Amino acid sequence: MIGIAAAAGLMDQLRGFFPTFGPLLSFGLPAPLMGGGLAIAVAVGLVAGVAPAIGAVRASAAGGLRSVA
């Protein structure tokens, strides 16, 4: 969420600093696009965390400690 807010603010700042880019900086960062990016980031995080979480739930505490030592 911090990255999305920073990107939106940065887009506004860049419009004033670089007028030579012309229409390149006229694109905005609409709220639905920010929401979609956030949803994709959450989905990727959940998918990436499912397998390690299932493995951690199925492992015993003693077995986990035994493999470290």
PDB file of N, CA and C in Angstrom:
ATOM      1  N   MET A   1       0.817  -1.180   0.000  1.00  0.00           N
ATOM      2  CA  MET A   1       0.000   0.000   0.000  1.00  0.00           C
ATOM      3  C   MET A   1       0.867   1.253   0.000  1.00  0.00           C
ATOM      4  N   ILE A   2       2.000   1.162   0.663  1.00  0.00           N
ATOM      5  CA  ILE A   2       2.912   2.305   0.682  1.00  0.00           C
ATOM      6  C   ILE A   2       3.453   2.559  -0.719  1.00  0.00           C
ATOM      7  N   GLY A   3       3.777   1.501  -1.441  1.00  0.00           N
ATOM      8  CA  GLY A   3       4.288   1.643  -2.805  1.00  0.00           C
ATOM      9  C   GLY A   3       3.263   2.234  -3.749  1.00  0.00           C
ATOM     10  N   ILE A   4       2.006   1.852  -3.587  1.00  0.00           N
ATOM     11  CA  ILE A   4       0.957   2.394  -4.443  1.00  0.00           C
ATOM     12  C   ILE A   4       0.777   3.879  -4.173  1.00  0.00           C
ATOM     13  N   ALA A   5       0.760   4.255  -2.898  1.00  0.00           N
ATOM     14  CA  ALA A   5       0.616   5.672  -2.553  1.00  0.00           C
ATOM     15  C   ALA A   5       1.818   6.470  -3.042  1.00  0.00           C
ATOM     16  N   ALA A   6       3.009   5.894  -2.920  1.00  0.00           N
ATOM     17  CA  ALA A   6       4.212   6.587  -3.384  1.00  0.00           C
ATOM     18  C   ALA A   6       4.193   6.752  -4.904  1.00  0.00           C
ATOM     19  N   ALA A   7       3.718   5.747  -5.616  1.00  0.00           N
ATOM     20  CA  ALA A   7       3.649   5.840  -7.081  1.00  0.00           C
ATOM     21  C   ALA A   7       2.670   6.922  -7.514  1.00  0.00           C
ATOM     22  N   ALA A   8       1.533   7.007  -6.846  1.00  0.00           N
ATOM     23  CA  ALA A   8       0.551   8.039  -7.192  1.00  0.00           C
ATOM     24  C   ALA A   8       1.115   9.428  -6.919  1.00  0.00           C
ATOM     25  N   GLY A   9       1.773   9.599  -5.790  1.00  0.00           N
ATOM     26  CA  GLY A   9       2.378  10.893  -5.474  1.00  0.00           C
ATOM     27  C   GLY A   9       3.523  11.242  -6.399  1.00  0.00           C
ATOM     28  N   LEU A  10       4.304  10.251  -6.759  1.00  0.00           N
ATOM     29  CA  LEU A  10       5.434  10.472  -7.652  1.00  0.00           C
ATOM     30  C   LEU A  10       4.974  10.878  -9.041  1.00  0.00           C
ATOM     31  N   MET A  11       3.885  10.286  -9.506  1.00  0.00           N
ATOM     32  CA  MET A  11       3.349  10.670 -10.815  1.00  0.00           C
ATOM     33  C   MET A  11       2.958  12.145 -10.817  1.00  0.00           C
ATOM     34  N   ASP A  12       2.338  12.599  -9.733  1.00  0.00           N
ATOM     35  CA  ASP A  12       1.943  14.008  -9.656  1.00  0.00           C
ATOM     36  C   ASP A  12       3.165  14.919  -9.619  1.00  0.00           C
ATOM     37  N   GLN A  13       4.193  14.518  -8.906  1.00  0.00           N
ATOM     38  CA  GLN A  13       5.405  15.336  -8.805  1.00  0.00           C
ATOM     39  C   GLN A  13       6.155  15.404 -10.135  1.00  0.00           C
ATOM     40  N   LEU A  14       6.227  14.302 -10.838  1.00  0.00           N
ATOM     41  CA  LEU A  14       6.982  14.255 -12.088  1.00  0.00           C
ATOM     42  C   LEU A  14       6.356  15.112 -13.182  1.00  0.00           C
ATOM     43  N   ARG A  15       5.053  15.278 -13.127  1.00  0.00           N
ATOM     44  CA  ARG A  15       4.398  16.100 -14.143  1.00  0.00           C
ATOM     45  C   ARG A  15       4.932  17.528 -14.128  1.00  0.00           C
ATOM     46  N   GLY A  16       5.227  18.056 -12.968  1.00  0.00           N
ATOM     47  CA  GLY A  16       5.723  19.426 -12.871  1.00  0.00           C
ATOM     48  C   GLY A  16       7.209  19.552 -13.163  1.00  0.00           C
ATOM     49  N   PHE A  17       7.984  18.526 -12.890  1.00  0.00           N
ATOM     50  CA  PHE A  17       9.437  18.608 -13.044  1.00  0.00           C
ATOM     51  C   PHE A  17       9.915  18.358 -14.463  1.00  0.00           C
ATOM     52  N   PHE A  18       9.202  17.544 -15.209  1.00  0.00           N
ATOM     53  CA  PHE A  18       9.664  17.166 -16.539  1.00  0.00           C
ATOM     54  C   PHE A  18       8.620  17.493 -17.604  1.00  0.00           C
ATOM     55  N   PRO A  19       8.413  18.756 -17.917  1.00  0.00           N
ATOM     56  CA  PRO A  19       7.411  19.078 -18.944  1.00  0.00           C
ATOM     57  C   PRO A  19       7.841  18.646 -20.343  1.00  0.00           C
ATOM     58  N   THR A  20       9.128  18.335 -20.531  1.00  0.00           N
ATOM     59  CA  THR A  20       9.598  17.939 -21.861  1.00  0.00           C
ATOM     60  C   THR A  20       9.118  16.549 -22.262  1.00  0.00           C
ATOM     61  N   PHE A  21       8.652  15.750 -21.319  1.00  0.00           N
ATOM     62  CA  PHE A  21       8.153  14.417 -21.650  1.00  0.00           C
ATOM     63  C   PHE A  21       6.790  14.478 -22.316  1.00  0.00           C
ATOM     64  N   GLY A  22       6.164  15.621 -22.271  1.00  0.00           N
ATOM     65  CA  GLY A  22       4.898  15.834 -22.955  1.00  0.00           C
ATOM     66  C   GLY A  22       3.812  14.880 -22.532  1.00  0.00           C
ATOM     67  N   PRO A  23       3.202  14.200 -23.488  1.00  0.00           N
ATOM     68  CA  PRO A  23       2.046  13.349 -23.154  1.00  0.00           C
ATOM     69  C   PRO A  23       2.428  12.097 -22.369  1.00  0.00           C
ATOM     70  N   LEU A  24       3.705  11.798 -22.263  1.00  0.00           N
ATOM     71  CA  LEU A  24       4.108  10.607 -21.523  1.00  0.00           C
ATOM     72  C   LEU A  24       3.668  10.689 -20.066  1.00  0.00           C
ATOM     73  N   LEU A  25       3.759  11.874 -19.476  1.00  0.00           N
ATOM     74  CA  LEU A  25       3.388  12.019 -18.075  1.00  0.00           C
ATOM     75  C   LEU A  25       1.943  12.449 -17.892  1.00  0.00           C
ATOM     76  N   SER A  26       1.167  12.489 -18.958  1.00  0.00           N
ATOM     77  CA  SER A  26      -0.231  12.850 -18.814  1.00  0.00           C
ATOM     78  C   SER A  26      -1.072  11.675 -18.327  1.00  0.00           C
ATOM     79  N   PHE A  27      -0.492  10.486 -18.318  1.00  0.00           N
ATOM     80  CA  PHE A  27      -1.223   9.326 -17.827  1.00  0.00           C
ATOM     81  C   PHE A  27      -1.342   9.417 -16.317  1.00  0.00           C
ATOM     82  N   GLY A  28      -2.463   9.007 -15.820  1.00  0.00           N
ATOM     83  CA  GLY A  28      -2.691   9.038 -14.385  1.00  0.00           C
ATOM     84  C   GLY A  28      -2.610   7.646 -13.786  1.00  0.00           C
ATOM     85  N   LEU A  29      -2.870   7.571 -12.514  1.00  0.00           N
ATOM     86  CA  LEU A  29      -2.919   6.299 -11.804  1.00  0.00           C
ATOM     87  C   LEU A  29      -4.280   6.236 -11.114  1.00  0.00           C
ATOM     88  N   PRO A  30      -5.319   5.807 -11.859  1.00  0.00           N
ATOM     89  CA  PRO A  30      -6.673   5.819 -11.300  1.00  0.00           C
ATOM     90  C   PRO A  30      -6.832   4.833 -10.151  1.00  0.00           C
ATOM     91  N   ALA A  31      -7.791   5.114  -9.297  1.00  0.00           N
ATOM     92  CA  ALA A  31      -8.038   4.278  -8.120  1.00  0.00           C
ATOM     93  C   ALA A  31      -8.348   2.818  -8.475  1.00  0.00           C
ATOM     94  N   PRO A  32      -9.136   2.524  -9.515  1.00  0.00           N
ATOM     95  CA  PRO A  32      -9.361   1.102  -9.833  1.00  0.00           C
ATOM     96  C   PRO A  32      -8.079   0.365 -10.218  1.00  0.00           C
ATOM     97  N   LEU A  33      -7.174   1.067 -10.879  1.00  0.00           N
ATOM     98  CA  LEU A  33      -5.908   0.440 -11.239  1.00  0.00           C
ATOM     99  C   LEU A  33      -5.058   0.168 -10.004  1.00  0.00           C
ATOM    100  N   MET A  34      -5.067   1.112  -9.070  1.00  0.00           N
ATOM    101  CA  MET A  34      -4.340   0.897  -7.818  1.00  0.00           C
ATOM    102  C   MET A  34      -4.944  -0.269  -7.039  1.00  0.00           C
ATOM    103  N   GLY A  35      -6.272  -0.353  -7.024  1.00  0.00           N
ATOM    104  CA  GLY A  35      -6.944  -1.465  -6.333  1.00  0.00           C
ATOM    105  C   GLY A  35      -6.628  -2.800  -6.983  1.00  0.00           C
ATOM    106  N   GLY A  36      -6.586  -2.820  -8.306  1.00  0.00           N
ATOM    107  CA  GLY A  36      -6.240  -4.053  -9.008  1.00  0.00           C
ATOM    108  C   GLY A  36      -4.817  -4.495  -8.725  1.00  0.00           C
ATOM    109  N   GLY A  37      -3.901  -3.539  -8.699  1.00  0.00           N
ATOM    110  CA  GLY A  37      -2.506  -3.864  -8.371  1.00  0.00           C
ATOM    111  C   GLY A  37      -2.372  -4.412  -6.962  1.00  0.00           C
ATOM    112  N   LEU A  38      -3.107  -3.812  -6.040  1.00  0.00           N
ATOM    113  CA  LEU A  38      -3.085  -4.290  -4.661  1.00  0.00           C
ATOM    114  C   LEU A  38      -3.664  -5.697  -4.569  1.00  0.00           C
ATOM    115  N   ALA A  39      -4.752  -5.958  -5.280  1.00  0.00           N
ATOM    116  CA  ALA A  39      -5.368  -7.285  -5.263  1.00  0.00           C
ATOM    117  C   ALA A  39      -4.432  -8.344  -5.845  1.00  0.00           C
ATOM    118  N   ILE A  40      -3.743  -8.006  -6.918  1.00  0.00           N
ATOM    119  CA  ILE A  40      -2.791  -8.948  -7.512  1.00  0.00           C
ATOM    120  C   ILE A  40      -1.637  -9.218  -6.558  1.00  0.00           C
ATOM    121  N   ALA A  41      -1.145  -8.182  -5.893  1.00  0.00           N
ATOM    122  CA  ALA A  41      -0.044  -8.364  -4.944  1.00  0.00           C
ATOM    123  C   ALA A  41      -0.455  -9.253  -3.780  1.00  0.00           C
ATOM    124  N   VAL A  42      -1.660  -9.063  -3.276  1.00  0.00           N
ATOM    125  CA  VAL A  42      -2.154  -9.900  -2.175  1.00  0.00           C
ATOM    126  C   VAL A  42      -2.327 -11.345  -2.645  1.00  0.00           C
ATOM    127  N   ALA A  43      -2.860 -11.536  -3.848  1.00  0.00           N
ATOM    128  CA  ALA A  43      -3.058 -12.886  -4.380  1.00  0.00           C
ATOM    129  C   ALA A  43      -1.729 -13.613  -4.560  1.00  0.00           C
ATOM    130  N   VAL A  44      -0.736 -12.921  -5.090  1.00  0.00           N
ATOM    131  CA  VAL A  44       0.583 -13.546  -5.275  1.00  0.00           C
ATOM    132  C   VAL A  44       1.186 -13.909  -3.923  1.00  0.00           C
ATOM    133  N   GLY A  45       1.037 -13.040  -2.947  1.00  0.00           N
ATOM    134  CA  GLY A  45       1.557 -13.327  -1.611  1.00  0.00           C
ATOM    135  C   GLY A  45       0.879 -14.530  -0.981  1.00  0.00           C
ATOM    136  N   LEU A  46      -0.428 -14.627  -1.150  1.00  0.00           N
ATOM    137  CA  LEU A  46      -1.151 -15.771  -0.591  1.00  0.00           C
ATOM    138  C   LEU A  46      -0.758 -17.073  -1.283  1.00  0.00           C
ATOM    139  N   VAL A  47      -0.668 -17.048  -2.595  1.00  0.00           N
ATOM    140  CA  VAL A  47      -0.297 -18.257  -3.335  1.00  0.00           C
ATOM    141  C   VAL A  47       1.121 -18.698  -2.972  1.00  0.00           C
ATOM    142  N   ALA A  48       2.027 -17.744  -2.823  1.00  0.00           N
ATOM    143  CA  ALA A  48       3.415 -18.082  -2.493  1.00  0.00           C
ATOM    144  C   ALA A  48       3.556 -18.590  -1.065  1.00  0.00           C
ATOM    145  N   GLY A  49       2.638 -18.231  -0.190  1.00  0.00           N
ATOM    146  CA  GLY A  49       2.751 -18.640   1.204  1.00  0.00           C
ATOM    147  C   GLY A  49       1.992 -19.898   1.562  1.00  0.00           C
ATOM    148  N   VAL A  50       1.178 -20.433   0.650  1.00  0.00           N
ATOM    149  CA  VAL A  50       0.342 -21.590   0.980  1.00  0.00           C
ATOM    150  C   VAL A  50       1.182 -22.842   1.212  1.00  0.00           C
ATOM    151  N   ALA A  51       2.088 -23.163   0.332  1.00  0.00           N
ATOM    152  CA  ALA A  51       2.874 -24.402   0.465  1.00  0.00           C
ATOM    153  C   ALA A  51       3.744 -24.400   1.728  1.00  0.00           C
ATOM    154  N   PRO A  52       4.494 -23.336   2.023  1.00  0.00           N
ATOM    155  CA  PRO A  52       5.267 -23.350   3.269  1.00  0.00           C
ATOM    156  C   PRO A  52       4.381 -23.410   4.514  1.00  0.00           C
ATOM    157  N   ALA A  53       3.219 -22.772   4.470  1.00  0.00           N
ATOM    158  CA  ALA A  53       2.325 -22.801   5.624  1.00  0.00           C
ATOM    159  C   ALA A  53       1.772 -24.200   5.855  1.00  0.00           C
ATOM    160  N   ILE A  54       1.397 -24.893   4.784  1.00  0.00           N
ATOM    161  CA  ILE A  54       0.891 -26.266   4.925  1.00  0.00           C
ATOM    162  C   ILE A  54       1.991 -27.166   5.472  1.00  0.00           C
ATOM    163  N   GLY A  55       3.208 -27.000   4.983  1.00  0.00           N
ATOM    164  CA  GLY A  55       4.324 -27.793   5.495  1.00  0.00           C
ATOM    165  C   GLY A  55       4.600 -27.522   6.969  1.00  0.00           C
ATOM    166  N   ALA A  56       4.466 -26.266   7.394  1.00  0.00           N
ATOM    167  CA  ALA A  56       4.702 -25.921   8.791  1.00  0.00           C
ATOM    168  C   ALA A  56       3.607 -26.480   9.693  1.00  0.00           C
ATOM    169  N   VAL A  57       2.384 -26.499   9.208  1.00  0.00           N
ATOM    170  CA  VAL A  57       1.281 -27.032  10.009  1.00  0.00           C
ATOM    171  C   VAL A  57       1.428 -28.542  10.180  1.00  0.00           C
ATOM    172  N   ARG A  58       1.871 -29.222   9.147  1.00  0.00           N
ATOM    173  CA  ARG A  58       1.981 -30.688   9.205  1.00  0.00           C
ATOM    174  C   ARG A  58       3.217 -31.168   9.960  1.00  0.00           C
ATOM    175  N   ALA A  59       4.227 -30.343  10.100  1.00  0.00           N
ATOM    176  CA  ALA A  59       5.464 -30.763  10.765  1.00  0.00           C
ATOM    177  C   ALA A  59       5.287 -30.718  12.277  1.00  0.00           C
ATOM    178  N   SER A  60       5.952 -31.618  12.964  1.00  0.00           N
ATOM    179  CA  SER A  60       5.923 -31.588  14.420  1.00  0.00           C
ATOM    180  C   SER A  60       7.003 -30.642  14.930  1.00  0.00           C
ATOM    181  N   ALA A  61       6.810 -30.141  16.119  1.00  0.00           N
ATOM    182  CA  ALA A  61       7.787 -29.218  16.703  1.00  0.00           C
ATOM    183  C   ALA A  61       9.133 -29.927  16.913  1.00  0.00           C
ATOM    184  N   ALA A  62       9.083 -31.160  17.406  1.00  0.00           N
ATOM    185  CA  ALA A  62      10.324 -31.904  17.658  1.00  0.00           C
ATOM    186  C   ALA A  62      11.051 -32.185  16.335  1.00  0.00           C
ATOM    187  N   GLY A  63      10.316 -32.506  15.291  1.00  0.00           N
ATOM    188  CA  GLY A  63      10.937 -32.768  13.998  1.00  0.00           C
ATOM    189  C   GLY A  63      11.577 -31.508  13.423  1.00  0.00           C
ATOM    190  N   GLY A  64      10.939 -30.379  13.618  1.00  0.00           N
ATOM    191  CA  GLY A  64      11.505 -29.126  13.148  1.00  0.00           C
ATOM    192  C   GLY A  64      12.773 -28.758  13.883  1.00  0.00           C
ATOM    193  N   LEU A  65      12.791 -28.962  15.181  1.00  0.00           N
ATOM    194  CA  LEU A  65      13.993 -28.672  15.966  1.00  0.00           C
ATOM    195  C   LEU A  65      15.102 -29.662  15.659  1.00  0.00           C
ATOM    196  N   ARG A  66      14.753 -30.900  15.389  1.00  0.00           N
ATOM    197  CA  ARG A  66      15.743 -31.933  15.101  1.00  0.00           C
ATOM    198  C   ARG A  66      16.464 -31.627  13.777  1.00  0.00           C
ATOM    199  N   SER A  67      15.754 -31.093  12.792  1.00  0.00           N
ATOM    200  CA  SER A  67      16.384 -30.838  11.499  1.00  0.00           C
ATOM    201  C   SER A  67      17.314 -29.631  11.550  1.00  0.00           C
ATOM    202  N   VAL A  68      17.147 -28.746  12.527  1.00  0.00           N
ATOM    203  CA  VAL A  68      18.014 -27.568  12.630  1.00  0.00           C
ATOM    204  C   VAL A  68      19.356 -27.958  13.229  1.00  0.00           C
ATOM    205  N   ALA A  69      19.336 -28.826  14.204  1.00  0.00           N
ATOM    206  CA  ALA A  69      20.570 -29.161  14.918  1.00  0.00           C
ATOM    207  C   ALA A  69      21.437 -30.119  14.177  1.00  0.00           C
TER     208      ALA A  69
END
